[in-house]
PDB file of N, CA and C in Angstrom:
ATOM      1  N   UNK A   1     -37.948  67.682 -56.440  1.00  0.00           N
ATOM      2  CA  UNK A   1     -36.703  67.944 -57.158  1.00  0.00           C
ATOM      3  C   UNK A   1     -36.021  66.694 -57.778  1.00  0.00           C
ATOM      4  N   UNK A   2     -36.673  65.536 -57.337  1.00  0.00           N
ATOM      5  CA  UNK A   2     -36.068  64.268 -58.159  1.00  0.00           C
ATOM      6  C   UNK A   2     -36.477  64.412 -59.608  1.00  0.00           C
ATOM      7  N   UNK A   3     -37.672  64.912 -59.918  1.00  0.00           N
ATOM      8  CA  UNK A   3     -38.092  64.966 -61.464  1.00  0.00           C
ATOM      9  C   UNK A   3     -37.218  65.989 -62.164  1.00  0.00           C
ATOM     10  N   UNK A   4     -36.747  67.025 -61.327  1.00  0.00           N
ATOM     11  CA  UNK A   4     -35.922  67.985 -62.007  1.00  0.00           C
ATOM     12  C   UNK A   4     -34.594  67.365 -62.226  1.00  0.00           C
ATOM     13  N   UNK A   5     -33.982  66.641 -61.158  1.00  0.00           N
ATOM     14  CA  UNK A   5     -32.709  66.003 -61.262  1.00  0.00           C
ATOM     15  C   UNK A   5     -32.463  64.968 -62.474  1.00  0.00           C
ATOM     16  N   UNK A   6     -33.792  64.479 -62.792  1.00  0.00           N
ATOM     17  CA  UNK A   6     -33.785  63.457 -63.802  1.00  0.00           C
ATOM     18  C   UNK A   6     -33.940  64.004 -65.256  1.00  0.00           C
ATOM     19  N   UNK A   7     -34.269  65.358 -65.297  1.00  0.00           N
ATOM     20  CA  UNK A   7     -34.567  65.860 -66.499  1.00  0.00           C
ATOM     21  C   UNK A   7     -33.231  66.433 -67.291  1.00  0.00           C
ATOM     22  N   UNK A   8     -33.249  66.565 -68.586  1.00  0.00           N
ATOM     23  CA  UNK A   8     -32.246  67.218 -69.250  1.00  0.00           C
ATOM     24  C   UNK A   8     -32.191  68.764 -69.148  1.00  0.00           C
ATOM     25  N   UNK A   9     -33.442  69.258 -69.250  1.00  0.00           N
ATOM     26  CA  UNK A   9     -33.722  70.794 -69.206  1.00  0.00           C
ATOM     27  C   UNK A   9     -34.769  71.094 -68.270  1.00  0.00           C
ATOM     28  N   UNK A  10     -35.075  72.260 -67.971  1.00  0.00           N
ATOM     29  CA  UNK A  10     -36.305  72.782 -67.292  1.00  0.00           C
ATOM     30  C   UNK A  10     -36.962  73.808 -68.160  1.00  0.00           C
ATOM     31  N   UNK A  11     -38.398  73.609 -68.420  1.00  0.00           N
ATOM     32  CA  UNK A  11     -39.061  74.403 -69.136  1.00  0.00           C
ATOM     33  C   UNK A  11     -40.139  75.118 -68.155  1.00  0.00           C
ATOM     34  N   UNK A  12     -40.218  76.438 -68.208  1.00  0.00           N
ATOM     35  CA  UNK A  12     -41.133  77.145 -67.463  1.00  0.00           C
ATOM     36  C   UNK A  12     -42.120  77.778 -68.380  1.00  0.00           C
ATOM     37  N   UNK A  13     -43.513  77.599 -68.386  1.00  0.00           N
ATOM     38  CA  UNK A  13     -44.292  78.071 -69.399  1.00  0.00           C
ATOM     39  C   UNK A  13     -45.544  78.759 -68.508  1.00  0.00           C
ATOM     40  N   UNK A  14     -45.645  80.052 -68.771  1.00  0.00           N
ATOM     41  CA  UNK A  14     -46.767  80.893 -68.170  1.00  0.00           C
ATOM     42  C   UNK A  14     -46.770  81.042 -66.826  1.00  0.00           C
ATOM     43  N   UNK A  15     -45.606  81.379 -66.137  1.00  0.00           N
ATOM     44  CA  UNK A  15     -45.372  81.560 -64.791  1.00  0.00           C
ATOM     45  C   UNK A  15     -44.592  82.827 -64.685  1.00  0.00           C
ATOM     46  N   UNK A  16     -44.872  83.745 -63.724  1.00  0.00           N
ATOM     47  CA  UNK A  16     -44.111  84.870 -63.379  1.00  0.00           C
ATOM     48  C   UNK A  16     -43.006  84.310 -62.436  1.00  0.00           C
ATOM     49  N   UNK A  17     -43.163  83.206 -61.859  1.00  0.00           N
ATOM     50  CA  UNK A  17     -42.397  82.614 -60.680  1.00  0.00           C
ATOM     51  C   UNK A  17     -42.314  83.426 -59.425  1.00  0.00           C
ATOM     52  N   UNK A  18     -43.445  84.191 -59.175  1.00  0.00           N
ATOM     53  CA  UNK A  18     -43.454  85.170 -58.064  1.00  0.00           C
ATOM     54  C   UNK A  18     -43.593  84.268 -56.822  1.00  0.00           C
ATOM     55  N   UNK A  19     -44.354  83.206 -56.881  1.00  0.00           N
ATOM     56  CA  UNK A  19     -44.398  82.343 -55.708  1.00  0.00           C
ATOM     57  C   UNK A  19     -43.218  81.255 -55.668  1.00  0.00           C
ATOM     58  N   UNK A  20     -42.509  81.139 -54.556  1.00  0.00           N
ATOM     59  CA  UNK A  20     -41.378  80.454 -54.190  1.00  0.00           C
ATOM     60  C   UNK A  20     -41.633  78.933 -54.703  1.00  0.00           C
ATOM     61  N   UNK A  21     -42.829  78.537 -54.543  1.00  0.00           N
ATOM     62  CA  UNK A  21     -42.975  77.083 -54.759  1.00  0.00           C
ATOM     63  C   UNK A  21     -42.532  76.710 -56.253  1.00  0.00           C
ATOM     64  N   UNK A  22     -42.676  77.653 -57.391  1.00  0.00           N
ATOM     65  CA  UNK A  22     -42.199  77.422 -58.573  1.00  0.00           C
ATOM     66  C   UNK A  22     -40.744  77.723 -58.818  1.00  0.00           C
ATOM     67  N   UNK A  23     -40.579  78.878 -58.173  1.00  0.00           N
ATOM     68  CA  UNK A  23     -38.945  79.529 -58.281  1.00  0.00           C
ATOM     69  C   UNK A  23     -38.058  78.615 -57.807  1.00  0.00           C
ATOM     70  N   UNK A  24     -38.240  77.827 -56.742  1.00  0.00           N
ATOM     71  CA  UNK A  24     -37.120  76.947 -55.989  1.00  0.00           C
ATOM     72  C   UNK A  24     -36.695  75.987 -57.133  1.00  0.00           C
ATOM     73  N   UNK A  25     -37.595  75.601 -58.039  1.00  0.00           N
ATOM     74  CA  UNK A  25     -37.232  74.492 -59.013  1.00  0.00           C
ATOM     75  C   UNK A  25     -36.290  75.115 -60.038  1.00  0.00           C
ATOM     76  N   UNK A  26     -36.558  76.369 -60.537  1.00  0.00           N
ATOM     77  CA  UNK A  26     -35.649  77.062 -61.192  1.00  0.00           C
ATOM     78  C   UNK A  26     -34.283  77.289 -60.664  1.00  0.00           C
ATOM     79  N   UNK A  27     -34.244  77.556 -59.262  1.00  0.00           N
ATOM     80  CA  UNK A  27     -32.928  77.785 -58.582  1.00  0.00           C
ATOM     81  C   UNK A  27     -32.295  76.345 -58.491  1.00  0.00           C
ATOM     82  N   UNK A  28     -32.999  75.373 -58.239  1.00  0.00           N
ATOM     83  CA  UNK A  28     -32.339  74.084 -58.215  1.00  0.00           C
ATOM     84  C   UNK A  28     -31.751  73.476 -59.530  1.00  0.00           C
ATOM     85  N   UNK A  29     -32.500  73.844 -60.553  1.00  0.00           N
ATOM     86  CA  UNK A  29     -31.927  73.485 -61.933  1.00  0.00           C
ATOM     87  C   UNK A  29     -30.741  74.316 -62.341  1.00  0.00           C
ATOM     88  N   UNK A  30     -30.719  75.581 -61.889  1.00  0.00           N
ATOM     89  CA  UNK A  30     -29.635  76.526 -62.275  1.00  0.00           C
ATOM     90  C   UNK A  30     -28.464  76.040 -61.224  1.00  0.00           C
ATOM     91  N   UNK A  31     -28.500  75.699 -60.136  1.00  0.00           N
ATOM     92  CA  UNK A  31     -27.391  75.156 -59.247  1.00  0.00           C
ATOM     93  C   UNK A  31     -26.905  73.895 -59.842  1.00  0.00           C
ATOM     94  N   UNK A  32     -27.509  73.180 -60.628  1.00  0.00           N
ATOM     95  CA  UNK A  32     -27.065  71.866 -61.128  1.00  0.00           C
ATOM     96  C   UNK A  32     -26.577  72.188 -62.531  1.00  0.00           C
ATOM     97  N   UNK A  33     -26.639  73.375 -62.947  1.00  0.00           N
ATOM     98  CA  UNK A  33     -26.068  73.777 -64.261  1.00  0.00           C
ATOM     99  C   UNK A  33     -26.864  73.181 -65.465  1.00  0.00           C
ATOM    100  N   UNK A  34     -28.186  73.122 -65.234  1.00  0.00           N
ATOM    101  CA  UNK A  34     -29.174  72.649 -66.197  1.00  0.00           C
ATOM    102  C   UNK A  34     -29.623  73.689 -66.980  1.00  0.00           C
ATOM    103  N   UNK A  35     -29.859  73.586 -68.324  1.00  0.00           N
ATOM    104  CA  UNK A  35     -30.382  74.577 -69.186  1.00  0.00           C
ATOM    105  C   UNK A  35     -31.877  74.792 -68.752  1.00  0.00           C
ATOM    106  N   UNK A  36     -32.402  76.222 -68.893  1.00  0.00           N
ATOM    107  CA  UNK A  36     -33.514  76.588 -68.383  1.00  0.00           C
ATOM    108  C   UNK A  36     -34.092  77.480 -69.396  1.00  0.00           C
ATOM    109  N   UNK A  37     -35.372  77.224 -69.844  1.00  0.00           N
ATOM    110  CA  UNK A  37     -36.029  77.970 -70.930  1.00  0.00           C
ATOM    111  C   UNK A  37     -37.399  78.445 -70.224  1.00  0.00           C
ATOM    112  N   UNK A  38     -37.532  79.665 -70.522  1.00  0.00           N
ATOM    113  CA  UNK A  38     -38.828  80.324 -69.746  1.00  0.00           C
ATOM    114  C   UNK A  38     -39.560  80.913 -70.983  1.00  0.00           C
ATOM    115  N   UNK A  39     -40.878  80.697 -70.924  1.00  0.00           N
ATOM    116  CA  UNK A  39     -41.854  81.100 -71.931  1.00  0.00           C
ATOM    117  C   UNK A  39     -42.881  81.962 -71.140  1.00  0.00           C
ATOM    118  N   UNK A  40     -43.028  83.312 -71.214  1.00  0.00           N
ATOM    119  CA  UNK A  40     -43.917  83.997 -70.370  1.00  0.00           C
ATOM    120  C   UNK A  40     -43.958  85.501 -70.967  1.00  0.00           C
ATOM    121  N   UNK A  41     -45.161  86.114 -70.816  1.00  0.00           N
ATOM    122  CA  UNK A  41     -45.299  87.376 -71.276  1.00  0.00           C
ATOM    123  C   UNK A  41     -44.897  88.266 -69.984  1.00  0.00           C
ATOM    124  N   UNK A  42     -43.930  89.010 -70.324  1.00  0.00           N
ATOM    125  CA  UNK A  42     -43.498  90.055 -69.303  1.00  0.00           C
ATOM    126  C   UNK A  42     -42.235  89.294 -68.484  1.00  0.00           C
ATOM    127  N   UNK A  43     -41.859  90.008 -67.491  1.00  0.00           N
ATOM    128  CA  UNK A  43     -40.694  89.489 -66.703  1.00  0.00           C
ATOM    129  C   UNK A  43     -40.992  88.459 -65.735  1.00  0.00           C
ATOM    130  N   UNK A  44     -40.083  87.635 -65.534  1.00  0.00           N
ATOM    131  CA  UNK A  44     -40.273  86.632 -64.394  1.00  0.00           C
ATOM    132  C   UNK A  44     -39.265  86.799 -63.319  1.00  0.00           C
ATOM    133  N   UNK A  45     -39.336  86.168 -62.255  1.00  0.00           N
ATOM    134  CA  UNK A  45     -38.435  86.158 -61.095  1.00  0.00           C
ATOM    135  C   UNK A  45     -37.197  85.235 -61.473  1.00  0.00           C
ATOM    136  N   UNK A  46     -37.340  84.376 -62.502  1.00  0.00           N
ATOM    137  CA  UNK A  46     -36.210  83.475 -62.954  1.00  0.00           C
ATOM    138  C   UNK A  46     -35.461  84.009 -64.018  1.00  0.00           C
ATOM    139  N   UNK A  47     -35.792  85.069 -64.736  1.00  0.00           N
ATOM    140  CA  UNK A  47     -35.123  85.556 -65.878  1.00  0.00           C
ATOM    141  C   UNK A  47     -33.588  85.453 -65.862  1.00  0.00           C
ATOM    142  N   UNK A  48     -33.046  85.815 -64.685  1.00  0.00           N
ATOM    143  CA  UNK A  48     -31.532  85.997 -64.695  1.00  0.00           C
ATOM    144  C   UNK A  48     -30.933  84.588 -64.575  1.00  0.00           C
ATOM    145  N   UNK A  49     -31.759  83.554 -64.231  1.00  0.00           N
ATOM    146  CA  UNK A  49     -31.191  82.317 -64.142  1.00  0.00           C
ATOM    147  C   UNK A  49     -31.468  81.550 -65.507  1.00  0.00           C
ATOM    148  N   UNK A  50     -32.237  82.122 -66.362  1.00  0.00           N
ATOM    149  CA  UNK A  50     -32.654  81.238 -67.549  1.00  0.00           C
ATOM    150  C   UNK A  50     -31.553  81.362 -68.553  1.00  0.00           C
ATOM    151  N   UNK A  51     -31.483  80.110 -69.319  1.00  0.00           N
ATOM    152  CA  UNK A  51     -30.676  80.091 -70.557  1.00  0.00           C
ATOM    153  C   UNK A  51     -31.225  80.727 -71.639  1.00  0.00           C
ATOM    154  N   UNK A  52     -32.610  80.629 -71.713  1.00  0.00           N
ATOM    155  CA  UNK A  52     -33.214  81.525 -72.692  1.00  0.00           C
ATOM    156  C   UNK A  52     -34.628  81.772 -72.157  1.00  0.00           C
ATOM    157  N   UNK A  53     -35.181  83.091 -72.606  1.00  0.00           N
ATOM    158  CA  UNK A  53     -36.308  83.685 -72.027  1.00  0.00           C
ATOM    159  C   UNK A  53     -37.011  84.075 -73.391  1.00  0.00           C
ATOM    160  N   UNK A  54     -38.254  83.651 -73.643  1.00  0.00           N
ATOM    161  CA  UNK A  54     -38.993  83.964 -74.737  1.00  0.00           C
ATOM    162  C   UNK A  54     -40.284  84.744 -74.246  1.00  0.00           C
ATOM    163  N   UNK A  55     -40.266  86.062 -74.460  1.00  0.00           N
ATOM    164  CA  UNK A  55     -41.320  86.845 -74.142  1.00  0.00           C
ATOM    165  C   UNK A  55     -42.612  86.842 -75.051  1.00  0.00           C
ATOM    166  N   UNK A  56     -43.648  85.858 -74.736  1.00  0.00           N
ATOM    167  CA  UNK A  56     -44.568  85.680 -75.762  1.00  0.00           C
ATOM    168  C   UNK A  56     -45.610  84.802 -74.945  1.00  0.00           C
ATOM    169  N   UNK A  57     -46.810  84.640 -75.544  1.00  0.00           N
ATOM    170  CA  UNK A  57     -47.702  83.708 -75.019  1.00  0.00           C
ATOM    171  C   UNK A  57     -47.346  82.185 -75.079  1.00  0.00           C
ATOM    172  N   UNK A  58     -47.930  81.497 -74.219  1.00  0.00           N
ATOM    173  CA  UNK A  58     -47.420  80.204 -74.017  1.00  0.00           C
ATOM    174  C   UNK A  58     -48.151  79.265 -75.225  1.00  0.00           C
ATOM    175  N   UNK A  59     -49.389  79.438 -75.420  1.00  0.00           N
ATOM    176  CA  UNK A  59     -50.078  78.680 -76.455  1.00  0.00           C
ATOM    177  C   UNK A  59     -49.465  78.636 -77.860  1.00  0.00           C
ATOM    178  N   UNK A  60     -49.247  79.754 -78.441  1.00  0.00           N
ATOM    179  CA  UNK A  60     -48.512  79.616 -79.773  1.00  0.00           C
ATOM    180  C   UNK A  60     -47.051  79.363 -79.569  1.00  0.00           C
ATOM    181  N   UNK A  61     -46.518  79.564 -78.494  1.00  0.00           N
ATOM    182  CA  UNK A  61     -45.129  79.093 -78.579  1.00  0.00           C
ATOM    183  C   UNK A  61     -44.985  77.588 -78.354  1.00  0.00           C
ATOM    184  N   UNK A  62     -45.774  77.008 -77.414  1.00  0.00           N
ATOM    185  CA  UNK A  62     -45.806  75.539 -77.093  1.00  0.00           C
ATOM    186  C   UNK A  62     -46.266  74.801 -78.456  1.00  0.00           C
ATOM    187  N   UNK A  63     -47.152  75.359 -79.118  1.00  0.00           N
ATOM    188  CA  UNK A  63     -47.562  74.638 -80.446  1.00  0.00           C
ATOM    189  C   UNK A  63     -46.515  74.690 -81.432  1.00  0.00           C
ATOM    190  N   UNK A  64     -45.812  75.755 -81.487  1.00  0.00           N
ATOM    191  CA  UNK A  64     -44.493  75.902 -82.457  1.00  0.00           C
ATOM    192  C   UNK A  64     -43.637  74.839 -82.094  1.00  0.00           C
ATOM    193  N   UNK A  65     -43.314  74.974 -80.703  1.00  0.00           N
ATOM    194  CA  UNK A  65     -42.314  73.865 -80.346  1.00  0.00           C
ATOM    195  C   UNK A  65     -42.644  72.355 -80.499  1.00  0.00           C
ATOM    196  N   UNK A  66     -43.848  72.265 -80.275  1.00  0.00           N
ATOM    197  CA  UNK A  66     -44.471  70.749 -80.690  1.00  0.00           C
ATOM    198  C   UNK A  66     -44.147  70.430 -82.004  1.00  0.00           C
ATOM    199  N   UNK A  67     -44.630  71.402 -82.944  1.00  0.00           N
ATOM    200  CA  UNK A  67     -44.585  71.076 -84.362  1.00  0.00           C
ATOM    201  C   UNK A  67     -43.111  71.008 -84.742  1.00  0.00           C
ATOM    202  N   UNK A  68     -42.221  71.681 -84.047  1.00  0.00           N
ATOM    203  CA  UNK A  68     -40.725  71.681 -84.537  1.00  0.00           C
ATOM    204  C   UNK A  68     -40.086  70.413 -83.960  1.00  0.00           C
ATOM    205  N   UNK A  69     -40.347  70.014 -82.693  1.00  0.00           N
ATOM    206  CA  UNK A  69     -39.794  68.717 -82.148  1.00  0.00           C
ATOM    207  C   UNK A  69     -40.558  67.574 -82.906  1.00  0.00           C
ATOM    208  N   UNK A  70     -41.734  67.537 -83.196  1.00  0.00           N
ATOM    209  CA  UNK A  70     -42.403  66.537 -84.069  1.00  0.00           C
ATOM    210  C   UNK A  70     -41.681  66.234 -85.416  1.00  0.00           C
ATOM    211  N   UNK A  71     -41.293  67.410 -85.921  1.00  0.00           N
ATOM    212  CA  UNK A  71     -40.619  67.336 -87.347  1.00  0.00           C
ATOM    213  C   UNK A  71     -39.134  66.705 -87.098  1.00  0.00           C
ATOM    214  N   UNK A  72     -38.614  66.988 -85.930  1.00  0.00           N
ATOM    215  CA  UNK A  72     -37.201  66.461 -85.658  1.00  0.00           C
ATOM    216  C   UNK A  72     -37.373  64.859 -85.502  1.00  0.00           C
ATOM    217  N   UNK A  73     -38.435  64.438 -84.700  1.00  0.00           N
ATOM    218  CA  UNK A  73     -38.517  62.992 -84.244  1.00  0.00           C
ATOM    219  C   UNK A  73     -39.063  62.149 -85.371  1.00  0.00           C
ATOM    220  N   UNK A  74     -39.702  62.864 -86.429  1.00  0.00           N
ATOM    221  CA  UNK A  74     -40.361  62.025 -87.535  1.00  0.00           C
ATOM    222  C   UNK A  74     -39.445  61.416 -88.497  1.00  0.00           C
TER     223      UNK A  74
END
């Protein structure tokens, strides 16, 4: 939880969050009012708590995110 507490946002990539061990971090971030982004094909257990949900494969979306963030920080 301490790593979540120190973050500005939570990104979940490629998990349905069916197992509670991952879903608990989403619940913790939501309770703290933290933005939550989920990238996953199909529904996840955390969709209702997410600020944004992208229904897509992780590899192309994470590559796009990296290229966009790289362009911002350059």
